[in-house]
PDB file of all heavy atoms in Angstrom:
ATOM      1  N   GLU A   1      15.086  11.776  -1.018  1.00  0.00           N
ATOM      2  CA  GLU A   1      16.108  12.790  -0.643  1.00  0.00           C
ATOM      3  C   GLU A   1      17.494  12.070  -0.522  1.00  0.00           C
ATOM      4  O   GLU A   1      18.515  12.741  -0.777  1.00  0.00           O
ATOM      5  CB  GLU A   1      15.818  13.287   0.748  1.00  0.00           C
ATOM      6  CG  GLU A   1      14.529  14.274   0.677  1.00  0.00           C
ATOM      7  CD  GLU A   1      14.014  14.637   1.990  1.00  0.00           C
ATOM      8  OE1 GLU A   1      14.626  14.253   3.041  1.00  0.00           O
ATOM      9  OE2 GLU A   1      13.028  15.365   2.112  1.00  0.00           O
ATOM     10  N   ASN A   2      17.535  10.770  -0.200  1.00  0.00           N
ATOM     11  CA  ASN A   2      18.842  10.055  -0.134  1.00  0.00           C
ATOM     12  C   ASN A   2      19.322   9.355  -1.442  1.00  0.00           C
ATOM     13  O   ASN A   2      20.251   8.636  -1.395  1.00  0.00           O
ATOM     14  CB  ASN A   2      18.722   9.103   1.000  1.00  0.00           C
ATOM     15  CG  ASN A   2      18.910   9.756   2.397  1.00  0.00           C
ATOM     16  OD1 ASN A   2      19.915  10.395   2.669  1.00  0.00           O
ATOM     17  ND2 ASN A   2      17.897   9.602   3.239  1.00  0.00           N
ATOM     18  N   GLY A   3      18.562   9.655  -2.474  1.00  0.00           N
ATOM     19  CA  GLY A   3      18.934   9.055  -3.827  1.00  0.00           C
ATOM     20  C   GLY A   3      18.751   7.543  -3.907  1.00  0.00           C
ATOM     21  O   GLY A   3      19.445   6.840  -4.683  1.00  0.00           O
ATOM     22  N   THR A   4      17.701   6.895  -3.213  1.00  0.00           N
ATOM     23  CA  THR A   4      17.511   5.465  -3.292  1.00  0.00           C
ATOM     24  C   THR A   4      17.030   5.268  -4.781  1.00  0.00           C
ATOM     25  O   THR A   4      16.300   5.944  -5.348  1.00  0.00           O
ATOM     26  CB  THR A   4      16.407   5.163  -2.275  1.00  0.00           C
ATOM     27  OG1 THR A   4      16.832   5.362  -0.969  1.00  0.00           O
ATOM     28  CG2 THR A   4      16.030   3.669  -2.431  1.00  0.00           C
ATOM     29  N   LYS A   5      17.507   4.023  -5.218  1.00  0.00           N
ATOM     30  CA  LYS A   5      17.128   3.520  -6.567  1.00  0.00           C
ATOM     31  C   LYS A   5      15.684   3.197  -6.715  1.00  0.00           C
ATOM     32  O   LYS A   5      15.000   3.433  -7.677  1.00  0.00           O
ATOM     33  CB  LYS A   5      18.051   2.481  -6.963  1.00  0.00           C
ATOM     34  CG  LYS A   5      17.798   1.894  -8.330  1.00  0.00           C
ATOM     35  CD  LYS A   5      18.602   0.645  -8.590  1.00  0.00           C
ATOM     36  CE  LYS A   5      20.167   0.798  -8.438  1.00  0.00           C
ATOM     37  NZ  LYS A   5      20.867  -0.365  -8.727  1.00  0.00           N
ATOM     38  N   LYS A   6      15.246   2.421  -5.586  1.00  0.00           N
ATOM     39  CA  LYS A   6      13.846   1.930  -5.757  1.00  0.00           C
ATOM     40  C   LYS A   6      13.210   1.759  -4.291  1.00  0.00           C
ATOM     41  O   LYS A   6      13.919   1.419  -3.420  1.00  0.00           O
ATOM     42  CB  LYS A   6      13.889   0.501  -6.335  1.00  0.00           C
ATOM     43  CG  LYS A   6      12.621  -0.234  -6.541  1.00  0.00           C
ATOM     44  CD  LYS A   6      11.800   0.333  -7.681  1.00  0.00           C
ATOM     45  CE  LYS A   6      10.609  -0.527  -7.997  1.00  0.00           C
ATOM     46  NZ  LYS A   6      10.931  -1.900  -8.533  1.00  0.00           N
ATOM     47  N   TYR A   7      11.932   2.039  -4.239  1.00  0.00           N
ATOM     48  CA  TYR A   7      11.159   2.009  -3.000  1.00  0.00           C
ATOM     49  C   TYR A   7      10.030   0.970  -3.185  1.00  0.00           C
ATOM     50  O   TYR A   7       9.319   1.064  -4.190  1.00  0.00           O
ATOM     51  CB  TYR A   7      10.545   3.318  -2.532  1.00  0.00           C
ATOM     52  CG  TYR A   7       9.924   3.331  -1.252  1.00  0.00           C
ATOM     53  CD1 TYR A   7      10.549   3.705  -0.097  1.00  0.00           C
ATOM     54  CD2 TYR A   7       8.445   2.974  -1.213  1.00  0.00           C
ATOM     55  CE1 TYR A   7       9.850   3.691   1.124  1.00  0.00           C
ATOM     56  CE2 TYR A   7       7.821   2.965   0.056  1.00  0.00           C
ATOM     57  CZ  TYR A   7       8.503   3.367   1.219  1.00  0.00           C
ATOM     58  OH  TYR A   7       7.812   3.365   2.333  1.00  0.00           O
ATOM     59  N   PHE A   8       9.955  -0.001  -2.267  1.00  0.00           N
ATOM     60  CA  PHE A   8       8.891  -1.081  -2.334  1.00  0.00           C
ATOM     61  C   PHE A   8       8.133  -0.984  -1.133  1.00  0.00           C
ATOM     62  O   PHE A   8       8.665  -0.831   0.041  1.00  0.00           O
ATOM     63  CB  PHE A   8       9.479  -2.428  -2.531  1.00  0.00           C
ATOM     64  CG  PHE A   8       8.518  -3.470  -2.282  1.00  0.00           C
ATOM     65  CD1 PHE A   8       7.689  -3.982  -3.261  1.00  0.00           C
ATOM     66  CD2 PHE A   8       8.342  -4.162  -1.038  1.00  0.00           C
ATOM     67  CE1 PHE A   8       6.686  -4.937  -3.035  1.00  0.00           C
ATOM     68  CE2 PHE A   8       7.427  -5.070  -0.840  1.00  0.00           C
ATOM     69  CZ  PHE A   8       6.588  -5.533  -1.824  1.00  0.00           C
ATOM     70  N   CYS A   9       6.781  -1.142  -1.187  1.00  0.00           N
ATOM     71  CA  CYS A   9       5.943  -1.315  -0.010  1.00  0.00           C
ATOM     72  C   CYS A   9       4.827  -2.275  -0.228  1.00  0.00           C
ATOM     73  O   CYS A   9       4.418  -2.556  -1.389  1.00  0.00           O
ATOM     74  CB  CYS A   9       5.392   0.067   0.453  1.00  0.00           C
ATOM     75  SG  CYS A   9       4.394   0.903  -0.738  1.00  0.00           S
ATOM     76  N   VAL A  10       4.279  -2.824   0.837  1.00  0.00           N
ATOM     77  CA  VAL A  10       3.269  -3.822   0.720  1.00  0.00           C
ATOM     78  C   VAL A  10       1.916  -3.160   0.794  1.00  0.00           C
ATOM     79  O   VAL A  10       1.660  -2.384   1.770  1.00  0.00           O
ATOM     80  CB  VAL A  10       3.399  -4.905   1.888  1.00  0.00           C
ATOM     81  CG1 VAL A  10       2.171  -5.737   1.925  1.00  0.00           C
ATOM     82  CG2 VAL A  10       4.675  -5.734   1.667  1.00  0.00           C
ATOM     83  N   SER A  11       1.094  -3.516  -0.129  1.00  0.00           N
ATOM     84  CA  SER A  11      -0.311  -3.158  -0.019  1.00  0.00           C
ATOM     85  C   SER A  11      -1.054  -4.491   0.427  1.00  0.00           C
ATOM     86  O   SER A  11      -0.494  -5.215   1.310  1.00  0.00           O
ATOM     87  CB  SER A  11      -0.840  -2.705  -1.318  1.00  0.00           C
ATOM     88  OG  SER A  11      -2.193  -2.213  -1.264  1.00  0.00           O
ATOM     89  N   THR A  12      -2.272  -4.681  -0.058  1.00  0.00           N
ATOM     90  CA  THR A  12      -3.058  -5.889   0.395  1.00  0.00           C
ATOM     91  C   THR A  12      -4.060  -6.106  -0.614  1.00  0.00           C
ATOM     92  O   THR A  12      -4.558  -5.242  -1.350  1.00  0.00           O
ATOM     93  CB  THR A  12      -3.748  -5.644   1.713  1.00  0.00           C
ATOM     94  OG1 THR A  12      -4.617  -6.689   2.072  1.00  0.00           O
ATOM     95  CG2 THR A  12      -4.540  -4.338   1.745  1.00  0.00           C
ATOM     96  N   ASP A  13      -4.510  -7.420  -0.705  1.00  0.00           N
ATOM     97  CA  ASP A  13      -5.651  -7.712  -1.610  1.00  0.00           C
ATOM     98  C   ASP A  13      -6.876  -6.942  -1.173  1.00  0.00           C
ATOM     99  O   ASP A  13      -7.796  -6.644  -1.978  1.00  0.00           O
ATOM    100  CB  ASP A  13      -5.891  -9.220  -1.467  1.00  0.00           C
ATOM    101  CG  ASP A  13      -6.259  -9.772  -0.080  1.00  0.00           C
ATOM    102  OD1 ASP A  13      -5.220  -9.690   0.756  1.00  0.00           O
ATOM    103  OD2 ASP A  13      -7.373 -10.241   0.131  1.00  0.00           O
ATOM    104  N   LYS A  14      -6.908  -6.618   0.147  1.00  0.00           N
ATOM    105  CA  LYS A  14      -8.108  -5.887   0.738  1.00  0.00           C
ATOM    106  C   LYS A  14      -8.213  -4.451   0.207  1.00  0.00           C
ATOM    107  O   LYS A  14      -9.224  -3.762   0.402  1.00  0.00           O
ATOM    108  CB  LYS A  14      -8.069  -5.974   2.177  1.00  0.00           C
ATOM    109  CG  LYS A  14      -8.237  -7.311   2.792  1.00  0.00           C
ATOM    110  CD  LYS A  14      -8.050  -7.314   4.327  1.00  0.00           C
ATOM    111  CE  LYS A  14      -8.184  -8.745   4.823  1.00  0.00           C
ATOM    112  NZ  LYS A  14      -7.125  -9.693   4.430  1.00  0.00           N
ATOM    113  N   ALA A  15      -7.208  -4.014  -0.555  1.00  0.00           N
ATOM    114  CA  ALA A  15      -7.228  -2.595  -1.151  1.00  0.00           C
ATOM    115  C   ALA A  15      -7.989  -2.650  -2.416  1.00  0.00           C
ATOM    116  O   ALA A  15      -8.390  -1.516  -2.938  1.00  0.00           O
ATOM    117  CB  ALA A  15      -5.818  -2.140  -1.381  1.00  0.00           C
ATOM    118  N   ALA A  16      -8.318  -3.772  -3.017  1.00  0.00           N
ATOM    119  CA  ALA A  16      -9.052  -3.922  -4.175  1.00  0.00           C
ATOM    120  C   ALA A  16     -10.553  -3.881  -3.895  1.00  0.00           C
ATOM    121  O   ALA A  16     -11.005  -4.860  -3.208  1.00  0.00           O
ATOM    122  CB  ALA A  16      -8.687  -5.142  -4.992  1.00  0.00           C
ATOM    123  N   ASN A  17     -11.272  -2.787  -4.182  1.00  0.00           N
ATOM    124  CA  ASN A  17     -12.639  -2.693  -3.815  1.00  0.00           C
ATOM    125  C   ASN A  17     -12.802  -2.931  -2.251  1.00  0.00           C
ATOM    126  O   ASN A  17     -13.477  -3.786  -1.763  1.00  0.00           O
ATOM    127  CB  ASN A  17     -13.564  -3.621  -4.540  1.00  0.00           C
ATOM    128  CG  ASN A  17     -13.510  -3.348  -6.033  1.00  0.00           C
ATOM    129  OD1 ASN A  17     -13.644  -2.237  -6.444  1.00  0.00           O
ATOM    130  ND2 ASN A  17     -13.542  -4.457  -6.876  1.00  0.00           N
ATOM    131  N   PRO A  18     -12.158  -2.025  -1.452  1.00  0.00           N
ATOM    132  CA  PRO A  18     -12.121  -2.307   0.076  1.00  0.00           C
ATOM    133  C   PRO A  18     -13.485  -2.223   0.612  1.00  0.00           C
ATOM    134  O   PRO A  18     -14.399  -1.465   0.262  1.00  0.00           O
ATOM    135  CB  PRO A  18     -11.253  -1.183   0.567  1.00  0.00           C
ATOM    136  CG  PRO A  18     -11.396  -0.092  -0.507  1.00  0.00           C
ATOM    137  CD  PRO A  18     -11.482  -0.801  -1.799  1.00  0.00           C
ATOM    138  N   VAL A  19     -13.645  -3.096   1.759  1.00  0.00           N
ATOM    139  CA  VAL A  19     -14.907  -3.101   2.528  1.00  0.00           C
ATOM    140  C   VAL A  19     -14.623  -2.868   3.962  1.00  0.00           C
ATOM    141  O   VAL A  19     -15.520  -2.782   4.774  1.00  0.00           O
ATOM    142  CB  VAL A  19     -15.696  -4.415   2.426  1.00  0.00           C
ATOM    143  CG1 VAL A  19     -16.035  -4.719   0.962  1.00  0.00           C
ATOM    144  CG2 VAL A  19     -14.970  -5.545   3.058  1.00  0.00           C
ATOM    145  N   ASN A  20     -13.283  -2.707   4.317  1.00  0.00           N
ATOM    146  CA  ASN A  20     -12.954  -2.500   5.685  1.00  0.00           C
ATOM    147  C   ASN A  20     -11.881  -1.304   5.688  1.00  0.00           C
ATOM    148  O   ASN A  20     -11.293  -0.976   4.663  1.00  0.00           O
ATOM    149  CB  ASN A  20     -12.375  -3.769   6.394  1.00  0.00           C
ATOM    150  CG  ASN A  20     -11.280  -4.362   5.613  1.00  0.00           C
ATOM    151  OD1 ASN A  20     -10.215  -3.771   5.370  1.00  0.00           O
ATOM    152  ND2 ASN A  20     -11.483  -5.690   5.257  1.00  0.00           N
ATOM    153  N   MET A  21     -11.699  -0.757   6.869  1.00  0.00           N
ATOM    154  CA  MET A  21     -10.833   0.395   6.992  1.00  0.00           C
ATOM    155  C   MET A  21      -9.313   0.113   6.767  1.00  0.00           C
ATOM    156  O   MET A  21      -8.601   0.788   6.277  1.00  0.00           O
ATOM    157  CB  MET A  21     -11.043   1.031   8.464  1.00  0.00           C
ATOM    158  CG  MET A  21     -12.379   1.441   8.767  1.00  0.00           C
ATOM    159  SD  MET A  21     -13.002   2.796   7.716  1.00  0.00           S
ATOM    160  CE  MET A  21     -12.166   4.153   8.517  1.00  0.00           C
ATOM    161  N   MET A  22      -8.942  -1.166   7.092  1.00  0.00           N
ATOM    162  CA  MET A  22      -7.630  -1.573   6.958  1.00  0.00           C
ATOM    163  C   MET A  22      -7.340  -1.615   5.374  1.00  0.00           C
ATOM    164  O   MET A  22      -6.347  -0.949   4.922  1.00  0.00           O
ATOM    165  CB  MET A  22      -7.252  -2.984   7.443  1.00  0.00           C
ATOM    166  CG  MET A  22      -5.802  -3.284   7.487  1.00  0.00           C
ATOM    167  SD  MET A  22      -5.049  -3.786   5.970  1.00  0.00           S
ATOM    168  CE  MET A  22      -5.801  -5.418   5.729  1.00  0.00           C
ATOM    169  N   GLY A  23      -8.198  -2.229   4.668  1.00  0.00           N
ATOM    170  CA  GLY A  23      -8.065  -2.269   3.173  1.00  0.00           C
ATOM    171  C   GLY A  23      -8.110  -0.864   2.573  1.00  0.00           C
ATOM    172  O   GLY A  23      -7.279  -0.544   1.689  1.00  0.00           O
ATOM    173  N   ALA A  24      -8.938  -0.065   3.049  1.00  0.00           N
ATOM    174  CA  ALA A  24      -9.133   1.310   2.595  1.00  0.00           C
ATOM    175  C   ALA A  24      -7.809   2.129   2.912  1.00  0.00           C
ATOM    176  O   ALA A  24      -7.458   2.941   2.076  1.00  0.00           O
ATOM    177  CB  ALA A  24     -10.373   2.011   3.118  1.00  0.00           C
ATOM    178  N   SER A  25      -7.222   1.925   4.034  1.00  0.00           N
ATOM    179  CA  SER A  25      -6.071   2.678   4.383  1.00  0.00           C
ATOM    180  C   SER A  25      -4.952   2.299   3.483  1.00  0.00           C
ATOM    181  O   SER A  25      -4.089   3.125   3.049  1.00  0.00           O
ATOM    182  CB  SER A  25      -5.633   2.351   5.861  1.00  0.00           C
ATOM    183  OG  SER A  25      -5.013   1.048   6.010  1.00  0.00           O
ATOM    184  N   LYS A  26      -4.868   1.031   3.069  1.00  0.00           N
ATOM    185  CA  LYS A  26      -3.872   0.616   2.092  1.00  0.00           C
ATOM    186  C   LYS A  26      -4.103   1.235   0.633  1.00  0.00           C
ATOM    187  O   LYS A  26      -3.234   1.502  -0.094  1.00  0.00           O
ATOM    188  CB  LYS A  26      -3.719  -0.898   2.063  1.00  0.00           C
ATOM    189  CG  LYS A  26      -2.932  -1.552   3.292  1.00  0.00           C
ATOM    190  CD  LYS A  26      -1.529  -1.145   3.249  1.00  0.00           C
ATOM    191  CE  LYS A  26      -0.716  -1.898   4.281  1.00  0.00           C
ATOM    192  NZ  LYS A  26       0.714  -1.634   4.243  1.00  0.00           N
TER     193      LYS A  26
END
């Protein structure tokens, strides 16, 4: 809405084939 050029956020290695809720949330 504010016309930002780029948005970045951190995921996690635990998001690849997750086995825990933290990784799954990411």
